[in-house]
Each structure stands twice: as C-alpha cells, then as structure tokens.
Amino acid sequence: MTYSQFMITVPIDYLTCVLGTMHRIFNIKLDVYLIEELYAVCLKEDSNTWIVAEGSEELDCDPKIIVQSSEVYRELILNAMEFWNKTLKNNGFSPQFQIIHGEKEQHNMRQRLLDAYQKQWKEIVIAEEPLVPNR
C-alpha cells in the first residue's frame, strides 16, 4: 500500500481546529487534554496511518502537524490541508505546507520531530477511539 505524508505549521490557537479536522476524516475522537508537548495517534486497523503534532505553547515557531495516510484518505487529507493552508493565509498567517513523497523522507520527518523532544514513537502514540461506531 502506498502512503502519503502531509505537514503543515499552524498557530497554536488553531491547533485543535486543524487536528479536529484530521481526526474527523479518520473518524477518531480528539481528546484535547492529551495534547501536550508531542501528540500522536494511529489507526487500529492500519498503524501506518497516523497523526503527530506538537502541542507546546512555548515553541519559538508555529507547531507542526504531520499526517500520514493511505490512498483511502489521501484526497480528503490533501483537501483539508489545502483548506487550512488557504484559510490561515487569508487570516494573515504564514503556514508552511508540504506533501512528502518517498519512504525515506517520511520516516525522517517524524523521527526528527521525535528526536527534538527526545521521545520514542511507542511511548507517545495512543490507539484511536472511534468517534462514530462502525456499522
């Protein structure tokens, strides 16, 4: 299966809004009380589909949100990221937005973020909790 990765920087005041959009696409409940320094969640049925975000208010720059998704969610995530990129620009912010291709680059981006916080993936990632039960 092919995976795509998307990264956007957002002002801290918009963090839960953008994360909420990504969680809704994946049908995952967002618990804002779990967002601290570094937040990560992955899908139970596909552990290679995940969201990782910086949540610290003490950063010198805007927090990053990185989303990796399979082809199933690719267009929805792309549209949502483009929407937030445009919305933030229209509101006077300067978000950085990237689409990352290639497994080497994907792994490195997440790993650089983990290294910056001196964390391991297994210690921060939480299992998803469905927002709406599957029927």
N, C-alpha and C. Protein backbone atom coordinates (compact mmCIF):
# COMPACT_ATOMS: atom_id res chain seq x y z
N MET A 1 0.84 -1.17 0.00
CA MET A 1 0.00 0.00 0.00
C MET A 1 0.89 1.24 0.00
N THR A 2 0.49 2.25 -0.72
CA THR A 2 1.23 3.50 -0.82
C THR A 2 0.70 4.49 0.21
N TYR A 3 1.62 5.19 0.86
CA TYR A 3 1.25 6.18 1.86
C TYR A 3 1.75 7.55 1.44
N SER A 4 0.99 8.57 1.80
CA SER A 4 1.39 9.96 1.57
C SER A 4 1.48 10.64 2.92
N GLN A 5 2.36 11.63 2.98
CA GLN A 5 2.54 12.35 4.23
C GLN A 5 2.39 13.84 3.96
N PHE A 6 1.71 14.51 4.87
CA PHE A 6 1.43 15.93 4.75
C PHE A 6 1.89 16.63 6.03
N MET A 7 2.49 17.81 5.89
CA MET A 7 2.94 18.57 7.04
C MET A 7 2.45 20.00 6.87
N ILE A 8 1.92 20.56 7.96
CA ILE A 8 1.51 21.96 7.97
C ILE A 8 1.88 22.55 9.32
N THR A 9 2.30 23.80 9.31
CA THR A 9 2.52 24.52 10.57
C THR A 9 1.31 25.40 10.79
N VAL A 10 0.87 25.46 12.04
CA VAL A 10 -0.33 26.25 12.36
C VAL A 10 -0.08 27.05 13.63
N PRO A 11 -0.68 28.24 13.75
CA PRO A 11 -0.59 28.97 15.01
C PRO A 11 -1.23 28.14 16.13
N ILE A 12 -0.71 28.26 17.33
CA ILE A 12 -1.18 27.44 18.45
C ILE A 12 -2.69 27.59 18.69
N ASP A 13 -3.23 28.76 18.40
CA ASP A 13 -4.67 28.98 18.60
C ASP A 13 -5.52 28.17 17.62
N TYR A 14 -4.95 27.74 16.52
CA TYR A 14 -5.68 26.97 15.51
C TYR A 14 -5.39 25.47 15.60
N LEU A 15 -4.52 25.08 16.52
CA LEU A 15 -4.07 23.69 16.59
C LEU A 15 -5.22 22.70 16.74
N THR A 16 -6.10 22.93 17.69
CA THR A 16 -7.19 21.97 17.91
C THR A 16 -8.18 21.97 16.76
N CYS A 17 -8.35 23.10 16.09
CA CYS A 17 -9.25 23.14 14.92
C CYS A 17 -8.72 22.27 13.79
N VAL A 18 -7.44 22.43 13.48
CA VAL A 18 -6.84 21.65 12.40
C VAL A 18 -6.77 20.18 12.78
N LEU A 19 -6.35 19.89 14.01
CA LEU A 19 -6.32 18.49 14.47
C LEU A 19 -7.72 17.88 14.45
N GLY A 20 -8.71 18.66 14.82
CA GLY A 20 -10.09 18.17 14.80
C GLY A 20 -10.52 17.77 13.41
N THR A 21 -10.13 18.55 12.42
CA THR A 21 -10.46 18.21 11.03
C THR A 21 -9.83 16.89 10.63
N MET A 22 -8.56 16.70 10.95
CA MET A 22 -7.86 15.46 10.60
C MET A 22 -8.47 14.26 11.34
N HIS A 23 -8.81 14.46 12.59
CA HIS A 23 -9.42 13.38 13.37
C HIS A 23 -10.79 13.01 12.81
N ARG A 24 -11.53 13.99 12.37
CA ARG A 24 -12.86 13.72 11.82
C ARG A 24 -12.75 12.90 10.54
N ILE A 25 -11.77 13.20 9.71
CA ILE A 25 -11.57 12.43 8.48
C ILE A 25 -11.29 10.96 8.80
N PHE A 26 -10.48 10.72 9.83
CA PHE A 26 -10.15 9.35 10.23
C PHE A 26 -11.19 8.74 11.16
N ASN A 27 -12.22 9.50 11.52
CA ASN A 27 -13.26 9.05 12.46
C ASN A 27 -12.65 8.68 13.81
N ILE A 28 -11.81 9.59 14.32
CA ILE A 28 -11.15 9.38 15.61
C ILE A 28 -11.59 10.49 16.55
N LYS A 29 -11.84 10.12 17.79
CA LYS A 29 -12.18 11.10 18.83
C LYS A 29 -10.93 11.88 19.21
N LEU A 30 -11.05 13.20 19.30
CA LEU A 30 -9.94 14.06 19.70
C LEU A 30 -10.13 14.45 21.16
N ASP A 31 -9.19 14.05 21.99
CA ASP A 31 -9.21 14.43 23.40
C ASP A 31 -8.18 15.54 23.58
N VAL A 32 -8.64 16.78 23.65
CA VAL A 32 -7.73 17.93 23.70
C VAL A 32 -6.86 17.93 24.95
N TYR A 33 -7.26 17.20 25.98
CA TYR A 33 -6.47 17.15 27.20
C TYR A 33 -5.21 16.28 27.05
N LEU A 34 -5.15 15.50 25.99
CA LEU A 34 -3.96 14.67 25.73
C LEU A 34 -2.90 15.41 24.92
N ILE A 35 -3.25 16.58 24.41
CA ILE A 35 -2.30 17.34 23.58
C ILE A 35 -1.37 18.11 24.51
N GLU A 36 -0.14 17.64 24.60
CA GLU A 36 0.86 18.30 25.43
C GLU A 36 2.04 18.67 24.54
N GLU A 37 3.24 18.25 24.90
CA GLU A 37 4.42 18.53 24.09
C GLU A 37 4.30 17.92 22.70
N LEU A 38 4.06 16.62 22.69
CA LEU A 38 4.01 15.88 21.44
C LEU A 38 2.85 14.91 21.52
N TYR A 39 2.01 14.94 20.51
CA TYR A 39 0.78 14.15 20.49
C TYR A 39 0.81 13.25 19.26
N ALA A 40 0.44 11.99 19.43
CA ALA A 40 0.42 11.07 18.29
C ALA A 40 -0.71 10.07 18.47
N VAL A 41 -1.38 9.76 17.37
CA VAL A 41 -2.45 8.77 17.36
C VAL A 41 -2.36 8.01 16.04
N CYS A 42 -2.67 6.72 16.09
CA CYS A 42 -2.67 5.92 14.86
C CYS A 42 -3.95 5.10 14.79
N LEU A 43 -4.30 4.68 13.59
CA LEU A 43 -5.48 3.86 13.39
C LEU A 43 -5.20 2.43 13.83
N LYS A 44 -6.19 1.80 14.44
CA LYS A 44 -6.02 0.41 14.88
C LYS A 44 -5.86 -0.53 13.70
N GLU A 45 -6.68 -0.32 12.66
CA GLU A 45 -6.64 -1.25 11.53
C GLU A 45 -5.47 -0.99 10.59
N ASP A 46 -4.79 0.15 10.74
CA ASP A 46 -3.65 0.47 9.88
C ASP A 46 -2.69 1.35 10.67
N SER A 47 -1.71 0.75 11.30
CA SER A 47 -0.79 1.51 12.15
C SER A 47 0.13 2.44 11.36
N ASN A 48 0.13 2.33 10.04
CA ASN A 48 0.91 3.25 9.20
C ASN A 48 0.13 4.50 8.83
N THR A 49 -1.11 4.60 9.28
CA THR A 49 -1.89 5.82 9.12
C THR A 49 -1.93 6.48 10.49
N TRP A 50 -1.36 7.68 10.59
CA TRP A 50 -1.22 8.32 11.88
C TRP A 50 -1.20 9.84 11.77
N ILE A 51 -1.33 10.47 12.95
CA ILE A 51 -1.23 11.92 13.09
C ILE A 51 -0.24 12.17 14.22
N VAL A 52 0.68 13.09 14.02
CA VAL A 52 1.58 13.53 15.09
C VAL A 52 1.61 15.05 15.07
N ALA A 53 1.58 15.65 16.27
CA ALA A 53 1.54 17.11 16.35
C ALA A 53 2.30 17.61 17.56
N GLU A 54 2.87 18.81 17.40
CA GLU A 54 3.47 19.49 18.53
C GLU A 54 2.36 20.27 19.23
N GLY A 55 2.35 20.24 20.54
CA GLY A 55 1.28 20.92 21.26
C GLY A 55 1.76 21.94 22.27
N SER A 56 3.05 22.16 22.35
CA SER A 56 3.60 23.07 23.35
C SER A 56 3.34 24.52 22.97
N GLU A 57 2.93 25.30 23.96
CA GLU A 57 2.72 26.73 23.73
C GLU A 57 4.02 27.51 23.87
N GLU A 58 5.09 26.86 24.25
CA GLU A 58 6.36 27.52 24.49
C GLU A 58 7.31 27.48 23.29
N LEU A 59 6.83 27.06 22.14
CA LEU A 59 7.67 26.98 20.95
C LEU A 59 7.98 28.37 20.42
N ASP A 60 9.15 28.52 19.81
CA ASP A 60 9.52 29.78 19.17
C ASP A 60 8.83 29.95 17.82
N CYS A 61 8.40 28.84 17.24
CA CYS A 61 7.75 28.88 15.94
C CYS A 61 6.39 28.17 16.05
N ASP A 62 5.65 28.18 14.96
CA ASP A 62 4.34 27.52 14.96
C ASP A 62 4.49 26.01 15.05
N PRO A 63 3.58 25.35 15.78
CA PRO A 63 3.62 23.89 15.88
C PRO A 63 3.40 23.21 14.53
N LYS A 64 4.00 22.02 14.39
CA LYS A 64 3.83 21.22 13.17
C LYS A 64 2.78 20.16 13.41
N ILE A 65 2.01 19.88 12.36
CA ILE A 65 1.12 18.73 12.33
C ILE A 65 1.55 17.90 11.14
N ILE A 66 1.83 16.62 11.37
CA ILE A 66 2.22 15.71 10.30
C ILE A 66 1.19 14.60 10.26
N VAL A 67 0.66 14.35 9.08
CA VAL A 67 -0.34 13.30 8.89
C VAL A 67 0.17 12.35 7.81
N GLN A 68 0.17 11.07 8.11
CA GLN A 68 0.48 10.05 7.11
C GLN A 68 -0.78 9.24 6.88
N SER A 69 -1.14 9.09 5.61
CA SER A 69 -2.37 8.34 5.31
C SER A 69 -2.19 7.45 4.10
N SER A 70 -3.04 6.45 4.05
CA SER A 70 -3.06 5.55 2.90
C SER A 70 -3.82 6.23 1.76
N GLU A 71 -3.88 5.53 0.64
CA GLU A 71 -4.59 6.06 -0.53
C GLU A 71 -6.07 6.30 -0.23
N VAL A 72 -6.61 5.55 0.72
CA VAL A 72 -8.04 5.66 1.06
C VAL A 72 -8.38 7.08 1.50
N TYR A 73 -7.50 7.70 2.31
CA TYR A 73 -7.77 9.02 2.87
C TYR A 73 -7.00 10.14 2.17
N ARG A 74 -6.17 9.82 1.19
CA ARG A 74 -5.26 10.80 0.62
C ARG A 74 -5.95 12.07 0.14
N GLU A 75 -6.97 11.95 -0.67
CA GLU A 75 -7.64 13.13 -1.23
C GLU A 75 -8.32 13.96 -0.15
N LEU A 76 -8.94 13.30 0.82
CA LEU A 76 -9.60 14.02 1.90
C LEU A 76 -8.60 14.81 2.74
N ILE A 77 -7.48 14.18 3.08
CA ILE A 77 -6.44 14.86 3.85
C ILE A 77 -5.83 16.00 3.04
N LEU A 78 -5.55 15.76 1.77
CA LEU A 78 -5.00 16.80 0.91
C LEU A 78 -5.94 18.00 0.84
N ASN A 79 -7.22 17.76 0.62
CA ASN A 79 -8.19 18.85 0.56
C ASN A 79 -8.28 19.61 1.88
N ALA A 80 -8.25 18.89 2.98
CA ALA A 80 -8.32 19.54 4.30
C ALA A 80 -7.07 20.38 4.56
N MET A 81 -5.91 19.84 4.23
CA MET A 81 -4.66 20.59 4.42
C MET A 81 -4.62 21.84 3.54
N GLU A 82 -5.04 21.70 2.30
CA GLU A 82 -5.08 22.86 1.40
C GLU A 82 -6.07 23.90 1.91
N PHE A 83 -7.21 23.45 2.44
CA PHE A 83 -8.20 24.37 3.01
C PHE A 83 -7.58 25.16 4.17
N TRP A 84 -6.94 24.46 5.10
CA TRP A 84 -6.36 25.15 6.25
C TRP A 84 -5.20 26.05 5.84
N ASN A 85 -4.41 25.64 4.87
CA ASN A 85 -3.32 26.47 4.37
C ASN A 85 -3.87 27.78 3.82
N LYS A 86 -4.91 27.68 3.01
CA LYS A 86 -5.53 28.88 2.41
C LYS A 86 -6.20 29.74 3.48
N THR A 87 -6.92 29.12 4.41
CA THR A 87 -7.61 29.85 5.47
C THR A 87 -6.62 30.61 6.35
N LEU A 88 -5.54 29.96 6.72
CA LEU A 88 -4.54 30.63 7.56
C LEU A 88 -3.88 31.79 6.82
N LYS A 89 -3.58 31.60 5.54
CA LYS A 89 -3.01 32.70 4.75
C LYS A 89 -3.98 33.86 4.64
N ASN A 90 -5.26 33.57 4.43
CA ASN A 90 -6.27 34.63 4.34
C ASN A 90 -6.44 35.38 5.65
N ASN A 91 -6.06 34.77 6.76
CA ASN A 91 -6.15 35.41 8.06
C ASN A 91 -4.83 36.03 8.51
N GLY A 92 -3.89 36.17 7.58
CA GLY A 92 -2.65 36.89 7.85
C GLY A 92 -1.51 36.06 8.43
N PHE A 93 -1.65 34.75 8.45
CA PHE A 93 -0.59 33.88 8.95
C PHE A 93 0.25 33.37 7.78
N SER A 94 1.40 32.80 8.09
CA SER A 94 2.29 32.25 7.07
C SER A 94 2.58 30.78 7.34
N PRO A 95 1.60 29.91 7.08
CA PRO A 95 1.83 28.49 7.34
C PRO A 95 2.79 27.89 6.32
N GLN A 96 3.50 26.86 6.74
CA GLN A 96 4.30 26.06 5.82
C GLN A 96 3.50 24.81 5.53
N PHE A 97 3.42 24.45 4.27
CA PHE A 97 2.65 23.27 3.87
C PHE A 97 3.49 22.44 2.92
N GLN A 98 3.60 21.14 3.21
CA GLN A 98 4.38 20.25 2.36
C GLN A 98 3.66 18.93 2.18
N ILE A 99 3.85 18.37 1.01
CA ILE A 99 3.44 16.99 0.76
C ILE A 99 4.75 16.23 0.56
N ILE A 100 4.93 15.17 1.33
CA ILE A 100 6.18 14.44 1.30
C ILE A 100 5.98 13.10 0.63
N HIS A 101 6.83 12.80 -0.33
CA HIS A 101 6.77 11.52 -1.03
C HIS A 101 8.07 10.77 -0.77
N GLY A 102 7.99 9.47 -0.77
CA GLY A 102 9.17 8.65 -0.57
C GLY A 102 9.31 8.22 0.88
N GLU A 103 9.48 6.94 1.11
CA GLU A 103 9.52 6.40 2.47
C GLU A 103 10.66 6.97 3.31
N LYS A 104 11.81 7.21 2.71
CA LYS A 104 12.95 7.70 3.47
C LYS A 104 12.64 9.07 4.07
N GLU A 105 12.10 9.97 3.27
CA GLU A 105 11.78 11.30 3.75
C GLU A 105 10.67 11.26 4.79
N GLN A 106 9.68 10.39 4.59
CA GLN A 106 8.57 10.29 5.54
C GLN A 106 9.08 9.89 6.91
N HIS A 107 9.90 8.86 6.95
CA HIS A 107 10.41 8.39 8.24
C HIS A 107 11.27 9.47 8.90
N ASN A 108 12.10 10.15 8.12
CA ASN A 108 12.99 11.16 8.67
C ASN A 108 12.24 12.33 9.29
N MET A 109 11.14 12.78 8.68
CA MET A 109 10.41 13.92 9.22
C MET A 109 9.83 13.59 10.60
N ARG A 110 9.19 12.45 10.72
CA ARG A 110 8.63 12.05 12.01
C ARG A 110 9.75 11.83 13.02
N GLN A 111 10.83 11.19 12.59
CA GLN A 111 11.93 10.90 13.50
C GLN A 111 12.62 12.17 13.98
N ARG A 112 12.77 13.16 13.12
CA ARG A 112 13.38 14.43 13.54
C ARG A 112 12.54 15.09 14.63
N LEU A 113 11.22 15.02 14.49
CA LEU A 113 10.33 15.59 15.49
C LEU A 113 10.46 14.83 16.82
N LEU A 114 10.49 13.51 16.74
CA LEU A 114 10.66 12.69 17.95
C LEU A 114 12.01 12.97 18.62
N ASP A 115 13.06 13.08 17.81
CA ASP A 115 14.40 13.35 18.35
C ASP A 115 14.45 14.72 19.04
N ALA A 116 13.78 15.70 18.47
CA ALA A 116 13.78 17.04 19.06
C ALA A 116 13.17 17.03 20.47
N TYR A 117 12.22 16.16 20.69
CA TYR A 117 11.57 16.04 22.00
C TYR A 117 12.15 14.90 22.83
N GLN A 118 13.13 14.20 22.30
CA GLN A 118 13.76 13.05 22.96
C GLN A 118 12.72 12.02 23.38
N LYS A 119 11.87 11.66 22.43
CA LYS A 119 10.80 10.69 22.66
C LYS A 119 10.93 9.53 21.69
N GLN A 120 10.33 8.42 22.06
CA GLN A 120 10.22 7.25 21.19
C GLN A 120 8.78 7.14 20.74
N TRP A 121 8.57 6.67 19.52
CA TRP A 121 7.22 6.55 18.95
C TRP A 121 6.30 5.74 19.85
N LYS A 122 6.78 4.62 20.34
CA LYS A 122 5.93 3.72 21.14
C LYS A 122 5.50 4.33 22.46
N GLU A 123 6.25 5.29 22.98
CA GLU A 123 5.88 5.88 24.27
C GLU A 123 4.86 7.01 24.13
N ILE A 124 4.70 7.58 22.94
CA ILE A 124 3.75 8.68 22.80
C ILE A 124 2.49 8.33 22.02
N VAL A 125 2.56 7.32 21.16
CA VAL A 125 1.41 7.02 20.30
C VAL A 125 0.29 6.38 21.12
N ILE A 126 -0.93 6.84 20.84
CA ILE A 126 -2.10 6.26 21.50
C ILE A 126 -2.98 5.60 20.45
N ALA A 127 -3.73 4.62 20.87
CA ALA A 127 -4.64 3.94 19.96
C ALA A 127 -5.87 4.82 19.75
N GLU A 128 -6.41 4.72 18.59
CA GLU A 128 -7.58 5.52 18.25
C GLU A 128 -8.80 5.10 19.07
N GLU A 129 -9.70 6.04 19.26
CA GLU A 129 -11.01 5.75 19.82
C GLU A 129 -12.02 6.28 18.82
N PRO A 130 -12.81 5.40 18.19
CA PRO A 130 -13.73 5.85 17.14
C PRO A 130 -14.69 6.93 17.62
N LEU A 131 -14.89 7.92 16.77
CA LEU A 131 -15.83 8.99 17.05
C LEU A 131 -17.25 8.50 16.88
N VAL A 132 -17.51 7.85 15.76
CA VAL A 132 -18.81 7.27 15.46
C VAL A 132 -18.60 5.77 15.28
N PRO A 133 -19.36 4.94 16.00
CA PRO A 133 -19.16 3.49 15.85
C PRO A 133 -19.39 3.03 14.42
N ASN A 134 -18.57 2.07 13.98
CA ASN A 134 -18.75 1.50 12.65
C ASN A 134 -19.99 0.63 12.64
N ARG A 135 -20.72 0.65 11.54
CA ARG A 135 -21.94 -0.16 11.44
C ARG A 135 -21.74 -1.30 10.50
